[in-house]
Amino acid sequence: MSNGSSLNEFLLLAFSDTRELQLLHFSLFLGIYLAALLGNGLIITAVACDHRLHTPMYFFLLNLSLLDLGTISTTVPKSMANSLWNTRAISYLGCAAQVFLAFFLFGGEYYLLTVMAYDRYNAICRPLHYGTIMGTRACAKMAAAAWASGFLTAVLHTANTFSMPLCEGNVVEQFFCEVPQILKLSCSDSYLREVGLLVLSACLVFGCFIFIVLSYVQIFTAVLRIPSEQGRHKAFSTCLPHLAVVSLFVSTAMFAYLKPPSLSSTALDLVVAVLYAMVPPAVNPLIYSMRNKELKDALRKVISWTF
């Protein structure tokens, strides 16, 4: 195999050669996938149908749920289908599509989480100007910028990754097409271009993370000055879930893409990939609704309408 153009397919990670364990993997991934579909679907429906939730915070949460549905639908169904049909194959174009969609949706999600931190900062630290700063048009532009930034990131990484010559086989040691695993198949120094691009992206991610942290330092300082215990509780209930989601997403994704080769092992890579690719979309609805009375009330309404 001299280069990527001669590859017709890649072989993804096989969880097991035993049929019973393959079906167990299928069942576990199906459970997580259905939980993500149900949770995010309920949030989208609740925000769209309840006029009380037509605010910037819930508008961004709706966009986050859409991105979560996209991210888990990009990686999990193909892995489930492979286990069910006892195969490992994914087409060359299918692999390229996974890489593109993963960067597009994960990138868009992270930029959106940054926008959500900015929204919480304005709501709590600048409440008198909140309506002016976070108007309908401004919110739409910020959300569009997050999606567009993810799209641009995806184009750059996908074009760069699949322009490399790949001659070290076609086995991708991951349950989806992950760039660090594809880089291991490169047989020239051209892979350094993608490594450089990953480092540049990591710097942007780290810059956004610093912005989020500084925003929350200001937020928590302002919250602690609130005299009312109820007011402090409400502020914390809208901020702490966001901080938990950001921390889980950033720590696992950065580790997956920037860890040194000496730390790489199939089991560790798999666990980290599950933590950043599957866990956030499944638990985000729970995290955001757990301490949020308005959202819980809206979700109860949606469930009562359904049943």
Protein backbone atom coordinates (compact mmCIF):
# COMPACT_ATOMS: atom_id res chain seq x y z
CA MET A 1 0.00 0.00 0.00
CA SER A 2 1.96 2.99 -1.18
CA ASN A 3 -0.42 5.75 -0.30
CA GLY A 4 -3.91 6.62 0.81
CA SER A 5 -5.31 6.52 -2.73
CA SER A 6 -4.61 2.76 -2.99
CA LEU A 7 -6.56 1.99 0.19
CA ASN A 8 -10.13 0.84 -0.25
CA GLU A 9 -10.88 0.35 3.42
CA PHE A 10 -9.56 0.50 6.96
CA LEU A 11 -9.94 -2.10 9.70
CA LEU A 12 -11.21 -0.73 13.01
CA LEU A 13 -10.43 -2.09 16.46
CA ALA A 14 -12.00 -5.47 17.16
CA PHE A 15 -13.30 -5.69 20.71
CA SER A 16 -13.28 -9.46 20.68
CA ASP A 17 -13.28 -12.50 18.41
CA THR A 18 -15.80 -14.19 20.70
CA ARG A 19 -19.38 -13.84 19.47
CA GLU A 20 -20.83 -13.43 22.96
CA LEU A 21 -18.45 -10.57 23.77
CA GLN A 22 -19.19 -8.92 20.42
CA LEU A 23 -22.90 -8.95 21.28
CA LEU A 24 -22.10 -7.63 24.76
CA HIS A 25 -20.16 -4.73 23.20
CA PHE A 26 -23.09 -4.08 20.86
CA SER A 27 -25.53 -4.05 23.77
CA LEU A 28 -23.41 -1.70 25.93
CA PHE A 29 -22.84 0.76 23.10
CA LEU A 30 -26.53 0.56 22.15
CA GLY A 31 -27.54 1.41 25.72
CA ILE A 32 -25.22 4.43 25.83
CA TYR A 33 -26.34 5.54 22.37
CA LEU A 34 -30.04 5.31 23.21
CA ALA A 35 -29.46 7.19 26.49
CA ALA A 36 -27.76 9.99 24.54
CA LEU A 37 -30.53 10.10 21.93
CA LEU A 38 -33.26 10.17 24.58
CA GLY A 39 -31.60 12.73 26.86
CA ASN A 40 -30.57 15.16 24.17
CA GLY A 41 -33.82 14.68 22.27
CA LEU A 42 -35.80 15.57 25.39
CA ILE A 43 -33.73 18.72 25.97
CA ILE A 44 -34.15 19.84 22.35
CA THR A 45 -37.91 19.27 22.56
CA ALA A 46 -38.23 20.97 25.96
CA VAL A 47 -36.28 24.08 24.91
CA ALA A 48 -38.08 24.32 21.58
CA CYS A 49 -41.59 23.91 23.05
CA ASP A 50 -41.39 25.82 26.36
CA HIS A 51 -41.43 29.58 25.82
CA ARG A 52 -39.95 30.12 29.30
CA LEU A 53 -36.74 28.50 28.03
CA HIS A 54 -36.39 30.83 25.05
CA THR A 55 -33.37 32.55 26.60
CA PRO A 56 -29.69 32.68 25.52
CA MET A 57 -28.58 30.01 27.99
CA TYR A 58 -31.12 27.47 26.76
CA PHE A 59 -30.62 28.46 23.12
CA PHE A 60 -26.95 27.50 23.48
CA LEU A 61 -27.94 24.35 25.38
CA LEU A 62 -30.18 23.34 22.47
CA ASN A 63 -27.23 23.79 20.09
CA LEU A 64 -25.05 21.74 22.44
CA SER A 65 -27.59 18.91 22.40
CA LEU A 66 -27.67 18.96 18.60
CA LEU A 67 -23.88 18.72 18.52
CA ASP A 68 -23.92 15.92 21.09
CA LEU A 69 -26.38 13.95 18.97
CA GLY A 70 -24.09 14.44 15.98
CA THR A 71 -20.87 13.45 17.76
CA ILE A 72 -22.15 10.19 19.20
CA SER A 73 -23.93 9.32 15.93
CA THR A 74 -20.64 9.79 14.06
CA THR A 75 -18.65 7.25 16.06
CA VAL A 76 -20.92 4.72 17.77
CA PRO A 77 -23.35 3.27 15.15
CA LYS A 78 -20.55 2.01 12.85
CA SER A 79 -18.81 0.30 15.78
CA MET A 80 -22.09 -1.30 16.83
CA ALA A 81 -22.82 -2.49 13.29
CA ASN A 82 -19.33 -4.01 12.98
CA SER A 83 -19.80 -5.99 16.20
CA LEU A 84 -23.28 -7.11 15.17
CA TRP A 85 -22.14 -8.27 11.71
CA ASN A 86 -18.76 -9.60 12.91
CA THR A 87 -16.63 -7.35 10.74
CA ARG A 88 -14.00 -4.61 11.25
CA ALA A 89 -14.14 -2.86 7.88
CA ILE A 90 -14.89 0.78 7.18
CA SER A 91 -14.51 2.23 3.69
CA TYR A 92 -11.84 4.81 2.91
CA LEU A 93 -14.52 7.45 2.29
CA GLY A 94 -16.39 6.37 5.42
CA CYS A 95 -13.23 6.84 7.47
CA ALA A 96 -12.63 10.28 5.95
CA ALA A 97 -16.26 11.19 6.72
CA GLN A 98 -15.81 10.09 10.35
CA VAL A 99 -12.67 12.23 10.72
CA PHE A 100 -14.39 15.24 9.15
CA LEU A 101 -17.58 14.94 11.21
CA ALA A 102 -15.66 14.25 14.43
CA PHE A 103 -13.56 17.41 14.08
CA PHE A 104 -16.56 19.44 12.89
CA LEU A 105 -18.84 18.41 15.74
CA PHE A 106 -16.30 18.13 18.56
CA GLY A 107 -14.70 21.41 17.48
CA GLY A 108 -18.07 23.13 17.25
CA GLU A 109 -19.02 21.75 20.67
CA TYR A 110 -15.89 23.09 22.35
CA TYR A 111 -16.23 26.55 20.79
CA LEU A 112 -19.88 26.53 21.87
CA LEU A 113 -18.86 25.64 25.45
CA THR A 114 -16.60 28.72 25.34
CA VAL A 115 -19.53 30.87 24.19
CA MET A 116 -21.66 29.42 27.00
CA ALA A 117 -19.02 30.48 29.55
CA TYR A 118 -19.16 34.00 28.10
CA ASP A 119 -22.96 33.93 28.40
CA ARG A 120 -22.79 32.92 32.09
CA TYR A 121 -20.16 35.61 32.73
CA ASN A 122 -22.43 38.31 31.32
CA ALA A 123 -25.53 36.96 33.10
CA ILE A 124 -23.89 37.00 36.54
CA CYS A 125 -21.16 39.66 36.36
CA ARG A 126 -22.90 42.16 34.07
CA PRO A 127 -26.63 41.58 34.63
CA LEU A 128 -27.67 45.16 33.80
CA HIS A 129 -26.10 44.89 30.33
CA TYR A 130 -26.99 41.25 29.73
CA GLY A 131 -30.02 41.91 27.54
CA THR A 132 -28.02 44.26 25.31
CA ILE A 133 -24.92 42.08 25.01
CA MET A 134 -26.73 38.77 24.58
CA GLY A 135 -29.51 39.84 22.24
CA THR A 136 -31.16 37.45 19.81
CA ARG A 137 -28.97 38.47 16.88
CA ALA A 138 -25.78 38.33 18.94
CA CYS A 139 -26.62 34.83 20.20
CA ALA A 140 -27.36 33.60 16.67
CA LYS A 141 -24.02 35.00 15.45
CA MET A 142 -22.10 33.37 18.31
CA ALA A 143 -23.72 29.99 17.71
CA ALA A 144 -23.08 30.28 13.96
CA ALA A 145 -19.44 31.19 14.64
CA ALA A 146 -19.04 28.06 16.81
CA TRP A 147 -20.44 25.81 14.06
CA ALA A 148 -18.37 27.58 11.38
CA SER A 149 -15.17 27.28 13.45
CA GLY A 150 -15.77 23.55 13.82
CA PHE A 151 -16.32 23.25 10.06
CA LEU A 152 -13.07 25.08 9.26
CA THR A 153 -11.15 22.92 11.75
CA ALA A 154 -12.61 19.79 10.16
CA VAL A 155 -11.67 20.83 6.62
CA LEU A 156 -8.06 21.55 7.60
CA HIS A 157 -7.50 18.34 9.57
CA THR A 158 -9.31 16.04 7.15
CA ALA A 159 -7.55 17.41 4.06
CA ASN A 160 -4.17 17.25 5.79
CA THR A 161 -4.63 13.75 7.23
CA PHE A 162 -5.81 12.10 4.01
CA SER A 163 -3.21 13.79 1.81
CA MET A 164 -0.48 11.80 3.62
CA PRO A 165 0.95 8.61 2.12
CA LEU A 166 -0.17 5.64 4.21
CA CYS A 167 1.91 2.48 3.83
CA GLU A 168 1.99 0.92 7.30
CA GLY A 169 -1.10 -1.19 6.75
CA ASN A 170 -4.75 -0.27 7.17
CA VAL A 171 -5.45 -1.27 10.80
CA VAL A 172 -6.78 1.60 12.95
CA GLU A 173 -6.42 0.67 16.61
CA GLN A 174 -9.59 2.46 17.69
CA PHE A 175 -13.34 1.87 17.41
CA PHE A 176 -13.63 4.82 15.03
CA CYS A 177 -11.25 6.64 12.67
CA GLU A 178 -9.21 8.75 15.07
CA VAL A 179 -6.43 10.93 13.65
CA PRO A 180 -3.64 9.89 16.08
CA GLN A 181 -4.25 6.26 15.10
CA ILE A 182 -4.25 7.09 11.37
CA LEU A 183 -0.95 8.98 11.78
CA LYS A 184 0.65 5.70 12.88
CA LEU A 185 0.01 4.37 9.37
CA SER A 186 2.02 7.15 7.71
CA CYS A 187 5.34 6.18 6.17
CA SER A 188 6.89 9.62 5.62
CA ASP A 189 7.65 12.81 7.50
CA SER A 190 4.49 14.36 6.06
CA TYR A 191 2.67 13.25 9.19
CA LEU A 192 4.55 16.03 11.01
CA ARG A 193 2.31 18.56 9.23
CA GLU A 194 -0.74 17.06 10.89
CA VAL A 195 1.08 16.84 14.22
CA GLY A 196 1.88 20.55 13.90
CA LEU A 197 -1.75 21.28 13.06
CA LEU A 198 -2.89 19.25 16.08
CA VAL A 199 -0.51 21.22 18.32
CA LEU A 200 -1.85 24.50 16.88
CA SER A 201 -5.42 23.33 17.49
CA ALA A 202 -4.44 22.33 21.02
CA CYS A 203 -3.07 25.84 21.61
CA LEU A 204 -6.42 27.30 20.49
CA VAL A 205 -8.25 24.83 22.74
CA PHE A 206 -5.98 25.78 25.65
CA GLY A 207 -6.59 29.49 24.93
CA CYS A 208 -10.35 28.90 25.06
CA PHE A 209 -9.90 26.90 28.26
CA ILE A 210 -7.98 29.78 29.88
CA PHE A 211 -10.82 32.12 28.83
CA ILE A 212 -13.36 29.75 30.40
CA VAL A 213 -11.35 29.47 33.64
CA LEU A 214 -10.90 33.25 33.92
CA SER A 215 -14.62 33.73 33.24
CA TYR A 216 -15.46 31.35 36.07
CA VAL A 217 -13.03 33.02 38.45
CA GLN A 218 -14.96 36.25 37.85
CA ILE A 219 -18.29 34.41 38.10
CA PHE A 220 -17.53 32.70 41.40
CA THR A 221 -16.16 35.94 42.84
CA ALA A 222 -19.41 37.67 41.92
CA VAL A 223 -21.57 34.76 43.18
CA LEU A 224 -19.92 34.77 46.60
CA ARG A 225 -20.93 38.44 46.97
CA ILE A 226 -24.62 37.62 46.47
CA PRO A 227 -26.28 38.09 49.88
CA SER A 228 -29.17 35.71 49.23
CA GLU A 229 -28.47 32.00 49.69
CA GLN A 230 -31.16 31.23 47.13
CA GLY A 231 -29.48 33.57 44.64
CA ARG A 232 -26.11 31.90 45.18
CA HIS A 233 -27.69 28.46 44.75
CA LYS A 234 -29.34 29.45 41.46
CA ALA A 235 -26.10 30.94 40.12
CA PHE A 236 -24.09 27.86 41.06
CA SER A 237 -26.73 25.53 39.62
CA THR A 238 -26.34 27.10 36.16
CA CYS A 239 -22.53 27.32 36.26
CA LEU A 240 -21.22 24.16 37.92
CA PRO A 241 -22.74 21.75 35.33
CA HIS A 242 -21.08 23.71 32.53
CA LEU A 243 -17.73 23.63 34.30
CA ALA A 244 -18.01 19.86 34.84
CA VAL A 245 -18.78 19.25 31.15
CA VAL A 246 -15.86 21.43 30.01
CA SER A 247 -13.39 19.76 32.39
CA LEU A 248 -14.29 16.22 31.30
CA PHE A 249 -14.28 17.06 27.59
CA VAL A 250 -11.02 19.04 27.54
CA SER A 251 -8.97 16.75 29.80
CA THR A 252 -9.80 13.54 27.92
CA ALA A 253 -9.61 15.00 24.38
CA MET A 254 -6.27 16.74 25.04
CA PHE A 255 -4.85 13.53 26.51
CA ALA A 256 -6.06 11.47 23.54
CA TYR A 257 -4.51 13.75 20.92
CA LEU A 258 -1.34 14.99 22.67
CA LYS A 259 -0.15 12.10 24.85
CA PRO A 260 3.39 10.86 24.11
CA PRO A 261 3.71 7.56 22.20
CA SER A 262 5.26 5.93 25.28
CA LEU A 263 1.88 6.21 27.04
CA SER A 264 -0.04 4.72 24.15
CA SER A 265 -1.68 1.32 24.55
CA THR A 266 -4.78 -0.14 22.94
CA ALA A 267 -6.67 -0.42 26.24
CA LEU A 268 -5.77 3.10 27.42
CA ASP A 269 -6.55 4.66 24.02
CA LEU A 270 -9.93 2.92 24.01
CA VAL A 271 -10.86 4.10 27.51
CA VAL A 272 -9.85 7.70 26.73
CA ALA A 273 -11.78 7.67 23.44
CA VAL A 274 -14.92 6.42 25.19
CA LEU A 275 -14.51 9.16 27.83
CA TYR A 276 -14.38 12.03 25.33
CA ALA A 277 -16.46 10.64 22.46
CA MET A 278 -19.29 8.79 24.23
CA VAL A 279 -19.59 9.82 27.86
CA PRO A 280 -20.17 13.61 27.42
CA PRO A 281 -23.05 13.26 24.91
CA ALA A 282 -24.71 10.69 27.20
CA VAL A 283 -24.27 12.52 30.52
CA ASN A 284 -24.58 16.16 29.41
CA PRO A 285 -28.42 16.10 29.56
CA LEU A 286 -28.25 14.65 33.08
CA ILE A 287 -25.60 17.14 34.24
CA TYR A 288 -27.48 20.17 32.89
CA SER A 289 -30.89 19.11 34.19
CA MET A 290 -29.86 17.73 37.60
CA ARG A 291 -29.67 21.10 39.40
CA ASN A 292 -31.84 23.16 37.04
CA LYS A 293 -35.46 23.48 38.22
CA GLU A 294 -36.71 25.29 35.09
CA LEU A 295 -35.33 22.60 32.80
CA LYS A 296 -36.60 19.77 35.00
CA ASP A 297 -40.10 21.28 34.97
CA ALA A 298 -40.00 21.58 31.19
CA LEU A 299 -38.76 18.00 30.83
CA ARG A 300 -41.61 16.74 33.04
CA LYS A 301 -44.06 18.49 30.73
CA VAL A 302 -42.51 16.90 27.64
CA ILE A 303 -42.60 13.45 29.24
CA SER A 304 -46.22 13.91 30.33
CA TRP A 305 -47.18 14.93 26.78
CA THR A 306 -45.40 11.88 25.41
CA PHE A 307 -46.95 9.36 27.79
